[in-house]
């Protein structure tokens, strides 16, 4: 009897779209939105606002989904020229531009609705949160520092979560501080991530810090950015009055920072993904959990 070769099942549109926007990477910034929200709740001393936390989650995930879909759509021709990104769904045809635009539009509407259900201030400020999400994909076309546009986009998360809980700018200093730390943290790693594409970026005219200054200097800039990030995390803990559990979380974060800068070297970029995904995911979750325990127990 002749064996019949099995044909791999083609993923559906929804599954392909979720792969396109890397939905699992929401873990990077979402813990810091929760951290900001819980600090705000602790100051209000009114108990847990579960509906508000759900709406913050929806706004965060939908906002990030919109940003990723827009980024992939606007960069699909650039991605087609880069061997590292030639297998992305919009390049291979696994996701059509129409599907991606539809997903982006739906995500934007969901984000707006969630913002409006939180409070009027979040709804009014919603367009300001979207602007850096749209500008970032264009950044690599006109500046050598698009990573800091991404930093600005990511900084919105803790601030938006604070405003979602309180509905006012009054006393929001900790959220802005945490937002700056989160933004620089992710922006610093975007610099490392861009080191993989130095040669092809120079060839096709894509701007980045590594393409402009070289891998060695880019890694130094990233290190300096993360030193500032860590200092801002320390400042945040002092400002909020967090206790020893927070400092344990910070110690683990320092170890993760050191690890990710040690494993990525100018002459060896093979471990960039390990540094980017594993270490970054650990930092967000660890800091949130230790801060939450601190708020609950101390």
C-alpha atoms as a PDB file:
ATOM      1  CA  UNK A   1       0.000   0.000   0.000  1.00  0.00           C
ATOM      2  CA  UNK A   2       1.354   3.399  -0.965  1.00  0.00           C
ATOM      3  CA  UNK A   3       1.579   5.871   1.881  1.00  0.00           C
ATOM      4  CA  UNK A   4      -0.162   9.158   1.315  1.00  0.00           C
ATOM      5  CA  UNK A   5       1.890  12.152   2.383  1.00  0.00           C
ATOM      6  CA  UNK A   6       0.081  14.358   4.840  1.00  0.00           C
ATOM      7  CA  UNK A   7      -0.383  17.987   3.886  1.00  0.00           C
ATOM      8  CA  UNK A   8       0.403  20.454   6.696  1.00  0.00           C
ATOM      9  CA  UNK A   9      -2.713  22.260   7.783  1.00  0.00           C
ATOM     10  CA  UNK A  10      -2.663  25.897   6.773  1.00  0.00           C
ATOM     11  CA  UNK A  11      -3.253  28.188   9.763  1.00  0.00           C
ATOM     12  CA  UNK A  12      -6.462  30.210   9.724  1.00  0.00           C
ATOM     13  CA  UNK A  13      -6.658  33.954   9.249  1.00  0.00           C
ATOM     14  CA  UNK A  14      -7.042  34.702  12.940  1.00  0.00           C
ATOM     15  CA  UNK A  15      -4.119  32.503  13.958  1.00  0.00           C
ATOM     16  CA  UNK A  16      -1.925  33.962  11.221  1.00  0.00           C
ATOM     17  CA  UNK A  17      -2.878  37.490  12.255  1.00  0.00           C
ATOM     18  CA  UNK A  18      -2.015  36.769  15.891  1.00  0.00           C
ATOM     19  CA  UNK A  19       1.364  35.454  14.750  1.00  0.00           C
ATOM     20  CA  UNK A  20       1.812  38.580  12.640  1.00  0.00           C
ATOM     21  CA  UNK A  21       1.346  40.877  15.640  1.00  0.00           C
ATOM     22  CA  UNK A  22       3.219  38.531  18.039  1.00  0.00           C
ATOM     23  CA  UNK A  23       0.387  38.790  20.561  1.00  0.00           C
ATOM     24  CA  UNK A  24       2.416  36.954  23.226  1.00  0.00           C
ATOM     25  CA  UNK A  25       4.862  39.862  23.420  1.00  0.00           C
ATOM     26  CA  UNK A  26       2.230  41.904  25.237  1.00  0.00           C
ATOM     27  CA  UNK A  27       3.918  40.482  28.349  1.00  0.00           C
ATOM     28  CA  UNK A  28       6.697  43.068  28.012  1.00  0.00           C
ATOM     29  CA  UNK A  29       4.807  46.276  28.845  1.00  0.00           C
ATOM     30  CA  UNK A  30       1.555  44.938  30.332  1.00  0.00           C
ATOM     31  CA  UNK A  31       3.036  44.146  33.793  1.00  0.00           C
ATOM     32  CA  UNK A  32       4.145  47.768  34.130  1.00  0.00           C
ATOM     33  CA  UNK A  33       0.669  49.015  33.282  1.00  0.00           C
ATOM     34  CA  UNK A  34      -0.623  46.770  36.069  1.00  0.00           C
ATOM     35  CA  UNK A  35       2.106  48.018  38.422  1.00  0.00           C
ATOM     36  CA  UNK A  36       1.116  51.628  37.781  1.00  0.00           C
ATOM     37  CA  UNK A  37      -2.565  50.760  38.251  1.00  0.00           C
ATOM     38  CA  UNK A  38      -1.967  48.947  41.553  1.00  0.00           C
ATOM     39  CA  UNK A  39       0.144  51.799  42.933  1.00  0.00           C
ATOM     40  CA  UNK A  40      -2.677  54.189  42.016  1.00  0.00           C
ATOM     41  CA  UNK A  41      -5.223  51.893  43.695  1.00  0.00           C
ATOM     42  CA  UNK A  42      -3.031  51.689  46.783  1.00  0.00           C
ATOM     43  CA  UNK A  43      -2.987  55.476  47.008  1.00  0.00           C
ATOM     44  CA  UNK A  44      -6.736  55.742  46.498  1.00  0.00           C
ATOM     45  CA  UNK A  45      -7.271  53.021  49.120  1.00  0.00           C
ATOM     46  CA  UNK A  46     -10.634  52.043  47.600  1.00  0.00           C
ATOM     47  CA  UNK A  47     -10.011  48.360  46.928  1.00  0.00           C
ATOM     48  CA  UNK A  48      -9.441  46.606  43.618  1.00  0.00           C
ATOM     49  CA  UNK A  49     -11.300  48.004  40.596  1.00  0.00           C
ATOM     50  CA  UNK A  50     -11.571  44.773  38.615  1.00  0.00           C
ATOM     51  CA  UNK A  51     -13.552  46.267  35.747  1.00  0.00           C
ATOM     52  CA  UNK A  52     -11.012  49.069  35.342  1.00  0.00           C
ATOM     53  CA  UNK A  53      -8.150  46.548  35.344  1.00  0.00           C
ATOM     54  CA  UNK A  54      -9.955  44.529  32.668  1.00  0.00           C
ATOM     55  CA  UNK A  55     -10.465  47.656  30.551  1.00  0.00           C
ATOM     56  CA  UNK A  56      -6.795  48.604  30.979  1.00  0.00           C
ATOM     57  CA  UNK A  57      -5.827  45.117  29.792  1.00  0.00           C
ATOM     58  CA  UNK A  58      -8.113  45.405  26.762  1.00  0.00           C
ATOM     59  CA  UNK A  59      -6.806  48.876  25.912  1.00  0.00           C
ATOM     60  CA  UNK A  60      -3.179  47.769  26.273  1.00  0.00           C
ATOM     61  CA  UNK A  61      -3.452  44.589  24.215  1.00  0.00           C
ATOM     62  CA  UNK A  62      -5.584  46.176  21.493  1.00  0.00           C
ATOM     63  CA  UNK A  63      -3.283  49.215  21.310  1.00  0.00           C
ATOM     64  CA  UNK A  64      -0.230  47.019  20.934  1.00  0.00           C
ATOM     65  CA  UNK A  65      -2.021  44.873  18.351  1.00  0.00           C
ATOM     66  CA  UNK A  66      -2.843  47.985  16.327  1.00  0.00           C
ATOM     67  CA  UNK A  67       0.759  49.189  16.571  1.00  0.00           C
ATOM     68  CA  UNK A  68       2.218  45.853  15.448  1.00  0.00           C
ATOM     69  CA  UNK A  69      -0.230  45.467  12.564  1.00  0.00           C
ATOM     70  CA  UNK A  70       0.458  49.009  11.365  1.00  0.00           C
ATOM     71  CA  UNK A  71       4.192  48.450  11.712  1.00  0.00           C
ATOM     72  CA  UNK A  72       4.116  45.245   9.685  1.00  0.00           C
ATOM     73  CA  UNK A  73       1.897  46.824   7.009  1.00  0.00           C
ATOM     74  CA  UNK A  74       4.038  49.927   6.582  1.00  0.00           C
ATOM     75  CA  UNK A  75       7.256  47.890   6.617  1.00  0.00           C
ATOM     76  CA  UNK A  76       6.205  44.982   4.426  1.00  0.00           C
ATOM     77  CA  UNK A  77       8.308  46.118   1.435  1.00  0.00           C
ATOM     78  CA  UNK A  78      11.333  46.653   3.678  1.00  0.00           C
ATOM     79  CA  UNK A  79      10.729  43.251   5.290  1.00  0.00           C
ATOM     80  CA  UNK A  80      10.709  41.641   1.843  1.00  0.00           C
ATOM     81  CA  UNK A  81      14.260  42.909   1.224  1.00  0.00           C
ATOM     82  CA  UNK A  82      15.656  41.647   4.536  1.00  0.00           C
ATOM     83  CA  UNK A  83      16.535  37.914   4.734  1.00  0.00           C
ATOM     84  CA  UNK A  84      15.735  37.906   8.474  1.00  0.00           C
ATOM     85  CA  UNK A  85      12.178  39.167   7.913  1.00  0.00           C
ATOM     86  CA  UNK A  86      11.297  37.624   4.559  1.00  0.00           C
ATOM     87  CA  UNK A  87       9.173  34.962   6.266  1.00  0.00           C
ATOM     88  CA  UNK A  88       6.849  37.435   7.964  1.00  0.00           C
ATOM     89  CA  UNK A  89       3.208  36.787   7.220  1.00  0.00           C
ATOM     90  CA  UNK A  90       2.566  39.842   5.045  1.00  0.00           C
ATOM     91  CA  UNK A  91       5.606  39.039   2.920  1.00  0.00           C
ATOM     92  CA  UNK A  92       4.752  35.367   2.399  1.00  0.00           C
ATOM     93  CA  UNK A  93       1.053  36.044   1.870  1.00  0.00           C
ATOM     94  CA  UNK A  94      -0.085  34.107   4.949  1.00  0.00           C
ATOM     95  CA  UNK A  95      -1.871  37.327   5.926  1.00  0.00           C
ATOM     96  CA  UNK A  96      -3.249  39.670   3.282  1.00  0.00           C
ATOM     97  CA  UNK A  97      -2.916  43.457   3.605  1.00  0.00           C
ATOM     98  CA  UNK A  98      -6.713  43.644   3.749  1.00  0.00           C
ATOM     99  CA  UNK A  99      -6.836  41.280   6.737  1.00  0.00           C
ATOM    100  CA  UNK A 100      -4.061  43.194   8.486  1.00  0.00           C
ATOM    101  CA  UNK A 101      -5.743  46.549   7.902  1.00  0.00           C
ATOM    102  CA  UNK A 102      -9.036  45.126   9.180  1.00  0.00           C
ATOM    103  CA  UNK A 103      -7.331  43.773  12.299  1.00  0.00           C
ATOM    104  CA  UNK A 104      -5.598  47.106  12.878  1.00  0.00           C
ATOM    105  CA  UNK A 105      -8.850  49.034  12.501  1.00  0.00           C
ATOM    106  CA  UNK A 106     -10.769  46.722  14.833  1.00  0.00           C
ATOM    107  CA  UNK A 107      -7.973  46.951  17.415  1.00  0.00           C
ATOM    108  CA  UNK A 108      -8.021  50.743  17.238  1.00  0.00           C
ATOM    109  CA  UNK A 109     -11.787  50.857  17.756  1.00  0.00           C
ATOM    110  CA  UNK A 110     -11.561  48.443  20.707  1.00  0.00           C
ATOM    111  CA  UNK A 111      -8.817  50.569  22.258  1.00  0.00           C
ATOM    112  CA  UNK A 112     -10.944  53.715  21.887  1.00  0.00           C
ATOM    113  CA  UNK A 113     -14.000  52.030  23.407  1.00  0.00           C
ATOM    114  CA  UNK A 114     -11.968  50.721  26.368  1.00  0.00           C
ATOM    115  CA  UNK A 115     -10.491  54.189  26.929  1.00  0.00           C
ATOM    116  CA  UNK A 116     -13.941  55.766  26.852  1.00  0.00           C
ATOM    117  CA  UNK A 117     -15.340  53.230  29.307  1.00  0.00           C
ATOM    118  CA  UNK A 118     -12.503  53.988  31.723  1.00  0.00           C
ATOM    119  CA  UNK A 119     -13.181  57.734  31.916  1.00  0.00           C
ATOM    120  CA  UNK A 120     -13.515  60.869  29.812  1.00  0.00           C
ATOM    121  CA  UNK A 121      -9.856  61.871  30.282  1.00  0.00           C
ATOM    122  CA  UNK A 122      -8.603  58.609  28.775  1.00  0.00           C
ATOM    123  CA  UNK A 123     -10.959  59.073  25.834  1.00  0.00           C
ATOM    124  CA  UNK A 124      -9.792  62.641  25.215  1.00  0.00           C
ATOM    125  CA  UNK A 125      -6.124  61.607  25.410  1.00  0.00           C
ATOM    126  CA  UNK A 126      -6.609  58.472  23.308  1.00  0.00           C
ATOM    127  CA  UNK A 127      -5.442  60.124  20.039  1.00  0.00           C
ATOM    128  CA  UNK A 128      -2.226  61.286  21.735  1.00  0.00           C
ATOM    129  CA  UNK A 129      -1.473  57.698  22.744  1.00  0.00           C
ATOM    130  CA  UNK A 130      -1.954  56.542  19.153  1.00  0.00           C
ATOM    131  CA  UNK A 131       0.321  59.150  17.512  1.00  0.00           C
ATOM    132  CA  UNK A 132       3.700  57.607  18.525  1.00  0.00           C
ATOM    133  CA  UNK A 133       2.368  54.154  17.594  1.00  0.00           C
ATOM    134  CA  UNK A 134       1.856  55.416  14.043  1.00  0.00           C
ATOM    135  CA  UNK A 135       5.026  57.506  13.831  1.00  0.00           C
ATOM    136  CA  UNK A 136       7.347  54.697  14.952  1.00  0.00           C
ATOM    137  CA  UNK A 137       7.181  52.656  11.702  1.00  0.00           C
ATOM    138  CA  UNK A 138       8.117  55.811   9.775  1.00  0.00           C
ATOM    139  CA  UNK A 139      10.950  56.650  12.186  1.00  0.00           C
ATOM    140  CA  UNK A 140      13.480  54.393  10.459  1.00  0.00           C
ATOM    141  CA  UNK A 141      12.912  56.431   7.302  1.00  0.00           C
ATOM    142  CA  UNK A 142      14.004  59.798   8.692  1.00  0.00           C
ATOM    143  CA  UNK A 143      15.986  59.393  11.937  1.00  0.00           C
ATOM    144  CA  UNK A 144      18.901  57.329  13.203  1.00  0.00           C
ATOM    145  CA  UNK A 145      17.105  57.002  16.546  1.00  0.00           C
ATOM    146  CA  UNK A 146      13.695  55.418  15.839  1.00  0.00           C
ATOM    147  CA  UNK A 147      14.222  53.322  18.981  1.00  0.00           C
ATOM    148  CA  UNK A 148      13.412  56.333  21.130  1.00  0.00           C
ATOM    149  CA  UNK A 149      10.151  56.905  19.274  1.00  0.00           C
ATOM    150  CA  UNK A 150       9.312  53.351  20.317  1.00  0.00           C
ATOM    151  CA  UNK A 151      10.356  54.324  23.847  1.00  0.00           C
ATOM    152  CA  UNK A 152       7.821  57.157  23.796  1.00  0.00           C
ATOM    153  CA  UNK A 153       5.106  54.805  22.545  1.00  0.00           C
ATOM    154  CA  UNK A 154       5.837  52.316  25.342  1.00  0.00           C
ATOM    155  CA  UNK A 155       5.994  55.021  28.017  1.00  0.00           C
ATOM    156  CA  UNK A 156       2.288  55.656  27.461  1.00  0.00           C
ATOM    157  CA  UNK A 157       1.288  52.350  29.109  1.00  0.00           C
ATOM    158  CA  UNK A 158       1.970  53.138  32.811  1.00  0.00           C
ATOM    159  CA  UNK A 159       0.664  56.690  32.431  1.00  0.00           C
ATOM    160  CA  UNK A 160      -2.502  55.523  30.709  1.00  0.00           C
ATOM    161  CA  UNK A 161      -3.103  52.873  33.369  1.00  0.00           C
ATOM    162  CA  UNK A 162      -2.728  55.452  36.156  1.00  0.00           C
ATOM    163  CA  UNK A 163      -5.156  57.827  34.455  1.00  0.00           C
ATOM    164  CA  UNK A 164      -7.524  54.927  33.836  1.00  0.00           C
ATOM    165  CA  UNK A 165      -7.711  54.293  37.576  1.00  0.00           C
ATOM    166  CA  UNK A 166      -7.683  57.873  38.878  1.00  0.00           C
ATOM    167  CA  UNK A 167      -9.149  59.931  36.033  1.00  0.00           C
ATOM    168  CA  UNK A 168      -6.826  62.823  36.886  1.00  0.00           C
ATOM    169  CA  UNK A 169      -3.250  64.030  36.389  1.00  0.00           C
ATOM    170  CA  UNK A 170      -3.044  64.988  40.065  1.00  0.00           C
ATOM    171  CA  UNK A 171      -0.395  62.926  41.827  1.00  0.00           C
ATOM    172  CA  UNK A 172       0.555  61.042  38.647  1.00  0.00           C
ATOM    173  CA  UNK A 173       4.301  61.673  39.017  1.00  0.00           C
ATOM    174  CA  UNK A 174       5.131  58.001  39.738  1.00  0.00           C
ATOM    175  CA  UNK A 175       3.379  56.913  36.549  1.00  0.00           C
ATOM    176  CA  UNK A 176       5.415  59.312  34.412  1.00  0.00           C
ATOM    177  CA  UNK A 177       8.606  58.121  36.080  1.00  0.00           C
ATOM    178  CA  UNK A 178       7.700  54.477  35.525  1.00  0.00           C
ATOM    179  CA  UNK A 179       6.684  55.273  31.957  1.00  0.00           C
ATOM    180  CA  UNK A 180      10.091  56.817  31.250  1.00  0.00           C
ATOM    181  CA  UNK A 181      11.814  53.749  32.716  1.00  0.00           C
ATOM    182  CA  UNK A 182       9.717  51.305  30.690  1.00  0.00           C
ATOM    183  CA  UNK A 183      10.151  53.302  27.495  1.00  0.00           C
ATOM    184  CA  UNK A 184      13.934  53.497  27.804  1.00  0.00           C
ATOM    185  CA  UNK A 185      14.115  49.829  28.757  1.00  0.00           C
ATOM    186  CA  UNK A 186      12.348  48.732  25.573  1.00  0.00           C
ATOM    187  CA  UNK A 187      14.010  51.393  23.426  1.00  0.00           C
ATOM    188  CA  UNK A 188      17.410  50.231  24.630  1.00  0.00           C
ATOM    189  CA  UNK A 189      16.641  46.705  23.587  1.00  0.00           C
ATOM    190  CA  UNK A 190      15.285  47.788  20.255  1.00  0.00           C
ATOM    191  CA  UNK A 191      18.795  49.124  19.611  1.00  0.00           C
ATOM    192  CA  UNK A 192      20.254  45.678  20.353  1.00  0.00           C
ATOM    193  CA  UNK A 193      17.643  44.018  18.156  1.00  0.00           C
ATOM    194  CA  UNK A 194      18.504  46.350  15.259  1.00  0.00           C
ATOM    195  CA  UNK A 195      22.152  45.257  15.427  1.00  0.00           C
ATOM    196  CA  UNK A 196      21.147  42.135  13.515  1.00  0.00           C
ATOM    197  CA  UNK A 197      20.282  44.175  10.428  1.00  0.00           C
ATOM    198  CA  UNK A 198      23.182  46.633  10.168  1.00  0.00           C
ATOM    199  CA  UNK A 199      24.468  45.596   6.755  1.00  0.00           C
ATOM    200  CA  UNK A 200      21.101  45.164   5.049  1.00  0.00           C
ATOM    201  CA  UNK A 201      19.767  48.385   6.627  1.00  0.00           C
ATOM    202  CA  UNK A 202      22.702  50.331   5.210  1.00  0.00           C
ATOM    203  CA  UNK A 203      22.196  48.707   1.843  1.00  0.00           C
ATOM    204  CA  UNK A 204      18.481  49.489   1.523  1.00  0.00           C
ATOM    205  CA  UNK A 205      18.575  52.854   3.299  1.00  0.00           C
ATOM    206  CA  UNK A 206      16.902  52.005   6.604  1.00  0.00           C
ATOM    207  CA  UNK A 207      17.982  54.249   9.486  1.00  0.00           C
ATOM    208  CA  UNK A 208      18.902  52.979  12.943  1.00  0.00           C
ATOM    209  CA  UNK A 209      21.455  53.671  15.656  1.00  0.00           C
ATOM    210  CA  UNK A 210      23.525  50.563  14.777  1.00  0.00           C
ATOM    211  CA  UNK A 211      23.403  51.405  11.055  1.00  0.00           C
ATOM    212  CA  UNK A 212      24.638  54.934  11.790  1.00  0.00           C
ATOM    213  CA  UNK A 213      27.215  54.297  14.502  1.00  0.00           C
ATOM    214  CA  UNK A 214      28.116  50.627  14.140  1.00  0.00           C
ATOM    215  CA  UNK A 215      27.357  47.654  16.374  1.00  0.00           C
ATOM    216  CA  UNK A 216      30.012  48.395  19.007  1.00  0.00           C
ATOM    217  CA  UNK A 217      28.833  51.968  19.619  1.00  0.00           C
ATOM    218  CA  UNK A 218      25.183  50.939  19.419  1.00  0.00           C
ATOM    219  CA  UNK A 219      25.709  48.368  22.166  1.00  0.00           C
ATOM    220  CA  UNK A 220      27.377  51.045  24.282  1.00  0.00           C
ATOM    221  CA  UNK A 221      24.412  53.370  23.717  1.00  0.00           C
ATOM    222  CA  UNK A 222      22.047  50.580  24.689  1.00  0.00           C
ATOM    223  CA  UNK A 223      24.041  49.903  27.855  1.00  0.00           C
ATOM    224  CA  UNK A 224      23.933  53.598  28.793  1.00  0.00           C
ATOM    225  CA  UNK A 225      20.191  53.649  28.123  1.00  0.00           C
ATOM    226  CA  UNK A 226      19.640  50.695  30.444  1.00  0.00           C
ATOM    227  CA  UNK A 227      21.772  52.253  33.182  1.00  0.00           C
ATOM    228  CA  UNK A 228      19.406  55.240  33.073  1.00  0.00           C
ATOM    229  CA  UNK A 229      16.476  52.808  33.035  1.00  0.00           C
ATOM    230  CA  UNK A 230      17.679  51.093  36.193  1.00  0.00           C
ATOM    231  CA  UNK A 231      18.230  54.451  37.907  1.00  0.00           C
ATOM    232  CA  UNK A 232      14.638  55.408  37.087  1.00  0.00           C
ATOM    233  CA  UNK A 233      13.364  52.123  38.538  1.00  0.00           C
ATOM    234  CA  UNK A 234      15.292  52.900  41.737  1.00  0.00           C
ATOM    235  CA  UNK A 235      13.834  56.414  41.801  1.00  0.00           C
ATOM    236  CA  UNK A 236      10.325  55.026  41.277  1.00  0.00           C
ATOM    237  CA  UNK A 237      10.696  52.669  44.245  1.00  0.00           C
ATOM    238  CA  UNK A 238      11.914  55.504  46.455  1.00  0.00           C
ATOM    239  CA  UNK A 239       9.157  57.866  45.317  1.00  0.00           C
ATOM    240  CA  UNK A 240       6.392  55.325  45.900  1.00  0.00           C
ATOM    241  CA  UNK A 241       7.925  54.089  49.155  1.00  0.00           C
ATOM    242  CA  UNK A 242       8.240  50.433  48.184  1.00  0.00           C
ATOM    243  CA  UNK A 243       9.999  48.130  50.639  1.00  0.00           C
ATOM    244  CA  UNK A 244      12.580  45.364  50.591  1.00  0.00           C
ATOM    245  CA  UNK A 245      10.608  43.057  48.300  1.00  0.00           C
ATOM    246  CA  UNK A 246      10.825  45.656  45.536  1.00  0.00           C
ATOM    247  CA  UNK A 247      14.576  45.847  46.013  1.00  0.00           C
ATOM    248  CA  UNK A 248      14.856  42.068  45.638  1.00  0.00           C
ATOM    249  CA  UNK A 249      12.989  42.406  42.355  1.00  0.00           C
ATOM    250  CA  UNK A 250      15.360  45.174  41.325  1.00  0.00           C
ATOM    251  CA  UNK A 251      18.376  43.021  42.167  1.00  0.00           C
ATOM    252  CA  UNK A 252      17.019  40.277  39.909  1.00  0.00           C
ATOM    253  CA  UNK A 253      16.376  42.894  37.235  1.00  0.00           C
ATOM    254  CA  UNK A 254      19.974  44.106  37.484  1.00  0.00           C
ATOM    255  CA  UNK A 255      21.134  40.514  36.994  1.00  0.00           C
ATOM    256  CA  UNK A 256      18.876  40.176  33.928  1.00  0.00           C
ATOM    257  CA  UNK A 257      20.207  43.438  32.487  1.00  0.00           C
ATOM    258  CA  UNK A 258      23.794  42.304  32.981  1.00  0.00           C
ATOM    259  CA  UNK A 259      23.038  38.919  31.459  1.00  0.00           C
ATOM    260  CA  UNK A 260      21.451  40.310  28.330  1.00  0.00           C
ATOM    261  CA  UNK A 261      24.315  42.727  27.740  1.00  0.00           C
ATOM    262  CA  UNK A 262      26.932  40.032  28.335  1.00  0.00           C
ATOM    263  CA  UNK A 263      25.453  37.441  25.960  1.00  0.00           C
ATOM    264  CA  UNK A 264      25.201  39.929  23.077  1.00  0.00           C
ATOM    265  CA  UNK A 265      28.586  40.984  21.717  1.00  0.00           C
ATOM    266  CA  UNK A 266      29.772  42.912  18.680  1.00  0.00           C
ATOM    267  CA  UNK A 267      31.157  39.748  17.085  1.00  0.00           C
ATOM    268  CA  UNK A 268      28.383  37.416  18.275  1.00  0.00           C
ATOM    269  CA  UNK A 269      24.747  38.402  17.791  1.00  0.00           C
ATOM    270  CA  UNK A 270      23.477  34.826  17.847  1.00  0.00           C
ATOM    271  CA  UNK A 271      21.895  35.243  21.277  1.00  0.00           C
ATOM    272  CA  UNK A 272      19.934  38.442  20.534  1.00  0.00           C
ATOM    273  CA  UNK A 273      16.597  36.607  20.569  1.00  0.00           C
ATOM    274  CA  UNK A 274      17.423  34.974  23.898  1.00  0.00           C
ATOM    275  CA  UNK A 275      18.279  38.373  25.378  1.00  0.00           C
ATOM    276  CA  UNK A 276      15.294  40.090  23.783  1.00  0.00           C
ATOM    277  CA  UNK A 277      12.516  37.633  24.582  1.00  0.00           C
ATOM    278  CA  UNK A 278      13.606  35.652  27.629  1.00  0.00           C
ATOM    279  CA  UNK A 279      15.309  38.369  29.650  1.00  0.00           C
ATOM    280  CA  UNK A 280      12.801  41.095  28.772  1.00  0.00           C
ATOM    281  CA  UNK A 281       9.834  38.917  29.672  1.00  0.00           C
ATOM    282  CA  UNK A 282      11.501  38.048  32.974  1.00  0.00           C
ATOM    283  CA  UNK A 283      12.157  41.712  33.873  1.00  0.00           C
ATOM    284  CA  UNK A 284       8.543  42.785  33.439  1.00  0.00           C
ATOM    285  CA  UNK A 285       7.006  39.871  35.319  1.00  0.00           C
ATOM    286  CA  UNK A 286       9.580  39.847  38.138  1.00  0.00           C
ATOM    287  CA  UNK A 287       9.306  43.557  38.896  1.00  0.00           C
ATOM    288  CA  UNK A 288       5.518  43.459  38.842  1.00  0.00           C
ATOM    289  CA  UNK A 289       5.257  40.422  41.123  1.00  0.00           C
ATOM    290  CA  UNK A 290       7.727  41.721  43.693  1.00  0.00           C
ATOM    291  CA  UNK A 291       6.113  45.168  43.690  1.00  0.00           C
ATOM    292  CA  UNK A 292       2.642  43.648  44.065  1.00  0.00           C
ATOM    293  CA  UNK A 293       3.812  41.499  46.985  1.00  0.00           C
ATOM    294  CA  UNK A 294       5.367  44.582  48.526  1.00  0.00           C
ATOM    295  CA  UNK A 295       2.123  46.554  48.216  1.00  0.00           C
ATOM    296  CA  UNK A 296       0.078  43.697  49.677  1.00  0.00           C
ATOM    297  CA  UNK A 297       2.324  42.514  52.488  1.00  0.00           C
ATOM    298  CA  UNK A 298       4.287  45.556  53.657  1.00  0.00           C
END
